[in-house]
PDB file of N, CA and C in Angstrom:
ATOM      1  N   MET A   1      63.825  94.654 138.904  1.00  0.00           N
ATOM      2  CA  MET A   1      63.499  96.027 138.536  1.00  0.00           C
ATOM      3  C   MET A   1      64.437  96.470 137.415  1.00  0.00           C
ATOM      4  N   ALA A   2      63.882  96.904 136.321  1.00  0.00           N
ATOM      5  CA  ALA A   2      64.697  97.347 135.183  1.00  0.00           C
ATOM      6  C   ALA A   2      65.229  98.746 135.442  1.00  0.00           C
ATOM      7  N   SER A   3      66.410  98.996 134.932  1.00  0.00           N
ATOM      8  CA  SER A   3      66.980 100.338 135.088  1.00  0.00           C
ATOM      9  C   SER A   3      67.474 100.833 133.743  1.00  0.00           C
ATOM     10  N   ASP A   4      67.365 102.122 133.555  1.00  0.00           N
ATOM     11  CA  ASP A   4      67.873 102.753 132.341  1.00  0.00           C
ATOM     12  C   ASP A   4      69.190 103.414 132.690  1.00  0.00           C
ATOM     13  N   SER A   5      70.226 103.076 131.963  1.00  0.00           N
ATOM     14  CA  SER A   5      71.509 103.726 132.221  1.00  0.00           C
ATOM     15  C   SER A   5      72.176 104.035 130.898  1.00  0.00           C
ATOM     16  N   PHE A   6      73.001 105.021 130.912  1.00  0.00           N
ATOM     17  CA  PHE A   6      73.735 105.378 129.707  1.00  0.00           C
ATOM     18  C   PHE A   6      75.059 105.999 130.107  1.00  0.00           C
ATOM     19  N   THR A   7      76.032 105.843 129.243  1.00  0.00           N
ATOM     20  CA  THR A   7      77.341 106.445 129.458  1.00  0.00           C
ATOM     21  C   THR A   7      77.725 107.168 128.182  1.00  0.00           C
ATOM     22  N   LYS A   8      78.119 108.402 128.317  1.00  0.00           N
ATOM     23  CA  LYS A   8      78.551 109.191 127.161  1.00  0.00           C
ATOM     24  C   LYS A   8      79.955 109.702 127.424  1.00  0.00           C
ATOM     25  N   LYS A   9      80.836 109.500 126.474  1.00  0.00           N
ATOM     26  CA  LYS A   9      82.174 110.063 126.576  1.00  0.00           C
ATOM     27  C   LYS A   9      82.410 110.887 125.322  1.00  0.00           C
ATOM     28  N   ILE A  10      82.636 112.157 125.496  1.00  0.00           N
ATOM     29  CA  ILE A  10      82.860 113.050 124.365  1.00  0.00           C
ATOM     30  C   ILE A  10      84.131 113.836 124.632  1.00  0.00           C
ATOM     31  N   ILE A  11      85.076 113.739 123.734  1.00  0.00           N
ATOM     32  CA  ILE A  11      86.330 114.476 123.857  1.00  0.00           C
ATOM     33  C   ILE A  11      86.414 115.434 122.672  1.00  0.00           C
ATOM     34  N   VAL A  12      86.535 116.709 122.962  1.00  0.00           N
ATOM     35  CA  VAL A  12      86.625 117.718 121.911  1.00  0.00           C
ATOM     36  C   VAL A  12      88.098 117.957 121.601  1.00  0.00           C
ATOM     37  N   LYS A  13      88.480 117.666 120.381  1.00  0.00           N
ATOM     38  CA  LYS A  13      89.872 117.872 119.968  1.00  0.00           C
ATOM     39  C   LYS A  13      89.884 118.736 118.708  1.00  0.00           C
ATOM     40  N   ARG A  14      89.420 119.953 118.842  1.00  0.00           N
ATOM     41  CA  ARG A  14      89.388 120.863 117.700  1.00  0.00           C
ATOM     42  C   ARG A  14      90.033 122.180 118.102  1.00  0.00           C
ATOM     43  N   ASP A  15      90.734 122.771 117.163  1.00  0.00           N
ATOM     44  CA  ASP A  15      91.355 124.064 117.418  1.00  0.00           C
ATOM     45  C   ASP A  15      90.418 125.222 117.059  1.00  0.00           C
ATOM     46  N   ASN A  16      89.461 124.961 116.186  1.00  0.00           N
ATOM     47  CA  ASN A  16      88.550 125.984 115.705  1.00  0.00           C
ATOM     48  C   ASN A  16      87.505 126.298 116.782  1.00  0.00           C
ATOM     49  N   GLU A  17      87.482 127.544 117.245  1.00  0.00           N
ATOM     50  CA  GLU A  17      86.573 127.923 118.336  1.00  0.00           C
ATOM     51  C   GLU A  17      85.114 127.714 117.963  1.00  0.00           C
ATOM     52  N   SER A  18      84.722 128.057 116.739  1.00  0.00           N
ATOM     53  CA  SER A  18      83.317 127.904 116.352  1.00  0.00           C
ATOM     54  C   SER A  18      82.918 126.433 116.314  1.00  0.00           C
ATOM     55  N   ALA A  19      83.847 125.554 115.933  1.00  0.00           N
ATOM     56  CA  ALA A  19      83.553 124.122 115.919  1.00  0.00           C
ATOM     57  C   ALA A  19      83.348 123.608 117.342  1.00  0.00           C
ATOM     58  N   VAL A  20      84.156 124.092 118.268  1.00  0.00           N
ATOM     59  CA  VAL A  20      84.013 123.687 119.670  1.00  0.00           C
ATOM     60  C   VAL A  20      82.681 124.189 120.223  1.00  0.00           C
ATOM     61  N   LEU A  21      82.315 125.423 119.900  1.00  0.00           N
ATOM     62  CA  LEU A  21      81.036 125.965 120.357  1.00  0.00           C
ATOM     63  C   LEU A  21      79.871 125.165 119.781  1.00  0.00           C
ATOM     64  N   GLU A  22      80.015 124.696 118.545  1.00  0.00           N
ATOM     65  CA  GLU A  22      78.992 123.857 117.928  1.00  0.00           C
ATOM     66  C   GLU A  22      78.864 122.536 118.695  1.00  0.00           C
ATOM     67  N   ASP A  23      79.996 121.943 119.068  1.00  0.00           N
ATOM     68  CA  ASP A  23      79.979 120.709 119.857  1.00  0.00           C
ATOM     69  C   ASP A  23      79.288 120.930 121.200  1.00  0.00           C
ATOM     70  N   ILE A  24      79.582 122.059 121.851  1.00  0.00           N
ATOM     71  CA  ILE A  24      78.969 122.370 123.143  1.00  0.00           C
ATOM     72  C   ILE A  24      77.459 122.534 122.987  1.00  0.00           C
ATOM     73  N   SER A  25      77.037 123.147 121.886  1.00  0.00           N
ATOM     74  CA  SER A  25      75.614 123.313 121.625  1.00  0.00           C
ATOM     75  C   SER A  25      74.928 121.955 121.491  1.00  0.00           C
ATOM     76  N   LEU A  26      75.577 121.019 120.798  1.00  0.00           N
ATOM     77  CA  LEU A  26      75.020 119.669 120.655  1.00  0.00           C
ATOM     78  C   LEU A  26      74.941 118.966 122.008  1.00  0.00           C
ATOM     79  N   LEU A  27      75.970 119.137 122.835  1.00  0.00           N
ATOM     80  CA  LEU A  27      75.956 118.547 124.177  1.00  0.00           C
ATOM     81  C   LEU A  27      74.795 119.092 124.996  1.00  0.00           C
ATOM     82  N   ARG A  28      74.559 120.391 124.888  1.00  0.00           N
ATOM     83  CA  ARG A  28      73.465 121.031 125.625  1.00  0.00           C
ATOM     84  C   ARG A  28      72.121 120.447 125.194  1.00  0.00           C
ATOM     85  N   GLN A  29      71.942 120.255 123.880  1.00  0.00           N
ATOM     86  CA  GLN A  29      70.691 119.692 123.378  1.00  0.00           C
ATOM     87  C   GLN A  29      70.481 118.278 123.908  1.00  0.00           C
ATOM     88  N   ARG A  30      71.541 117.473 123.915  1.00  0.00           N
ATOM     89  CA  ARG A  30      71.430 116.101 124.432  1.00  0.00           C
ATOM     90  C   ARG A  30      71.094 116.109 125.913  1.00  0.00           C
ATOM     91  N   ALA A  31      71.738 116.996 126.661  1.00  0.00           N
ATOM     92  CA  ALA A  31      71.491 117.076 128.103  1.00  0.00           C
ATOM     93  C   ALA A  31      70.041 117.467 128.376  1.00  0.00           C
ATOM     94  N   GLU A  32      69.510 118.402 127.595  1.00  0.00           N
ATOM     95  CA  GLU A  32      68.127 118.836 127.786  1.00  0.00           C
ATOM     96  C   GLU A  32      67.163 117.677 127.562  1.00  0.00           C
ATOM     97  N   LYS A  33      67.446 116.830 126.566  1.00  0.00           N
ATOM     98  CA  LYS A  33      66.583 115.672 126.307  1.00  0.00           C
ATOM     99  C   LYS A  33      66.619 114.703 127.485  1.00  0.00           C
ATOM    100  N   HIS A  34      67.807 114.454 128.026  1.00  0.00           N
ATOM    101  CA  HIS A  34      67.927 113.543 129.165  1.00  0.00           C
ATOM    102  C   HIS A  34      67.217 114.116 130.388  1.00  0.00           C
ATOM    103  N   ILE A  35      67.321 115.429 130.588  1.00  0.00           N
ATOM    104  CA  ILE A  35      66.659 116.069 131.727  1.00  0.00           C
ATOM    105  C   ILE A  35      65.141 115.935 131.600  1.00  0.00           C
ATOM    106  N   GLU A  36      64.617 116.098 130.388  1.00  0.00           N
ATOM    107  CA  GLU A  36      63.175 115.936 130.174  1.00  0.00           C
ATOM    108  C   GLU A  36      62.732 114.520 130.522  1.00  0.00           C
ATOM    109  N   LEU A  37      63.531 113.515 130.144  1.00  0.00           N
ATOM    110  CA  LEU A  37      63.199 112.127 130.469  1.00  0.00           C
ATOM    111  C   LEU A  37      63.219 111.892 131.976  1.00  0.00           C
ATOM    112  N   ILE A  38      64.208 112.460 132.651  1.00  0.00           N
ATOM    113  CA  ILE A  38      64.321 112.306 134.105  1.00  0.00           C
ATOM    114  C   ILE A  38      63.115 112.935 134.801  1.00  0.00           C
ATOM    115  N   ILE A  39      62.726 114.132 134.366  1.00  0.00           N
ATOM    116  CA  ILE A  39      61.569 114.812 134.963  1.00  0.00           C
ATOM    117  C   ILE A  39      60.302 113.985 134.753  1.00  0.00           C
ATOM    118  N   ALA A  40      60.143 113.412 133.560  1.00  0.00           N
ATOM    119  CA  ALA A  40      58.968 112.579 133.279  1.00  0.00           C
ATOM    120  C   ALA A  40      58.928 111.362 134.200  1.00  0.00           C
ATOM    121  N   LYS A  41      60.081 110.747 134.436  1.00  0.00           N
ATOM    122  CA  LYS A  41      60.131 109.582 135.327  1.00  0.00           C
ATOM    123  C   LYS A  41      59.785 109.977 136.756  1.00  0.00           C
ATOM    124  N   LEU A  42      60.310 111.120 137.204  1.00  0.00           N
ATOM    125  CA  LEU A  42      60.006 111.584 138.558  1.00  0.00           C
ATOM    126  C   LEU A  42      58.514 111.865 138.719  1.00  0.00           C
ATOM    127  N   ARG A  43      57.906 112.470 137.708  1.00  0.00           N
ATOM    128  CA  ARG A  43      56.477 112.790 137.777  1.00  0.00           C
ATOM    129  C   ARG A  43      55.621 111.528 137.793  1.00  0.00           C
ATOM    130  N   SER A  44      56.127 110.450 137.180  1.00  0.00           N
ATOM    131  CA  SER A  44      55.362 109.199 137.157  1.00  0.00           C
ATOM    132  C   SER A  44      55.563 108.390 138.436  1.00  0.00           C
ATOM    133  N   GLY A  45      56.363 108.915 139.360  1.00  0.00           N
ATOM    134  CA  GLY A  45      56.554 108.258 140.643  1.00  0.00           C
ATOM    135  C   GLY A  45      57.750 107.331 140.715  1.00  0.00           C
ATOM    136  N   LYS A  46      58.535 107.268 139.657  1.00  0.00           N
ATOM    137  CA  LYS A  46      59.717 106.405 139.662  1.00  0.00           C
ATOM    138  C   LYS A  46      60.872 107.088 140.386  1.00  0.00           C
ATOM    139  N   LYS A  47      61.720 106.273 140.982  1.00  0.00           N
ATOM    140  CA  LYS A  47      62.921 106.806 141.620  1.00  0.00           C
ATOM    141  C   LYS A  47      64.010 106.955 140.565  1.00  0.00           C
ATOM    142  N   VAL A  48      64.778 108.009 140.678  1.00  0.00           N
ATOM    143  CA  VAL A  48      65.839 108.283 139.713  1.00  0.00           C
ATOM    144  C   VAL A  48      67.140 108.528 140.466  1.00  0.00           C
ATOM    145  N   ILE A  49      68.190 107.834 140.054  1.00  0.00           N
ATOM    146  CA  ILE A  49      69.530 108.088 140.584  1.00  0.00           C
ATOM    147  C   ILE A  49      70.311 108.764 139.466  1.00  0.00           C
ATOM    148  N   LEU A  50      70.830 109.934 139.750  1.00  0.00           N
ATOM    149  CA  LEU A  50      71.520 110.716 138.731  1.00  0.00           C
ATOM    150  C   LEU A  50      72.958 110.945 139.163  1.00  0.00           C
ATOM    151  N   ILE A  51      73.881 110.485 138.346  1.00  0.00           N
ATOM    152  CA  ILE A  51      75.304 110.689 138.610  1.00  0.00           C
ATOM    153  C   ILE A  51      75.873 111.481 137.442  1.00  0.00           C
ATOM    154  N   ILE A  52      76.424 112.642 137.736  1.00  0.00           N
ATOM    155  CA  ILE A  52      76.988 113.498 136.690  1.00  0.00           C
ATOM    156  C   ILE A  52      78.471 113.676 136.965  1.00  0.00           C
ATOM    157  N   THR A  53      79.273 113.449 135.944  1.00  0.00           N
ATOM    158  CA  THR A  53      80.718 113.622 136.072  1.00  0.00           C
ATOM    159  C   THR A  53      81.197 114.560 134.979  1.00  0.00           C
ATOM    160  N   PHE A  54      81.913 115.596 135.364  1.00  0.00           N
ATOM    161  CA  PHE A  54      82.498 116.517 134.405  1.00  0.00           C
ATOM    162  C   PHE A  54      84.008 116.354 134.444  1.00  0.00           C
ATOM    163  N   THR A  55      84.607 116.215 133.287  1.00  0.00           N
ATOM    164  CA  THR A  55      86.060 116.104 133.194  1.00  0.00           C
ATOM    165  C   THR A  55      86.546 117.105 132.165  1.00  0.00           C
ATOM    166  N   GLU A  56      87.503 117.897 132.537  1.00  0.00           N
ATOM    167  CA  GLU A  56      88.066 118.887 131.611  1.00  0.00           C
ATOM    168  C   GLU A  56      89.435 118.402 131.165  1.00  0.00           C
ATOM    169  N   TYR A  57      89.604 118.305 129.863  1.00  0.00           N
ATOM    170  CA  TYR A  57      90.886 117.902 129.299  1.00  0.00           C
ATOM    171  C   TYR A  57      91.613 119.139 128.800  1.00  0.00           C
ATOM    172  N   LYS A  58      92.780 119.400 129.333  1.00  0.00           N
ATOM    173  CA  LYS A  58      93.567 120.554 128.896  1.00  0.00           C
ATOM    174  C   LYS A  58      94.723 120.063 128.039  1.00  0.00           C
ATOM    175  N   THR A  59      94.985 120.817 126.988  1.00  0.00           N
ATOM    176  CA  THR A  59      96.091 120.434 126.097  1.00  0.00           C
ATOM    177  C   THR A  59      97.174 121.479 126.139  1.00  0.00           C
TER     178      THR A  59
END
């Protein structure tokens, strides 16, 4: 059985608030695309295992 998996690691190292907000906006867009794919797989009857990890880096 084939499985689709992906790993994304994104570390924001910017002092400019607007640049960080822009990065967050891009992350949101990527997440929405992945969610659409997951919903499509569920509707087609496939099983989906979803593991989400959030890590906050403080400086």
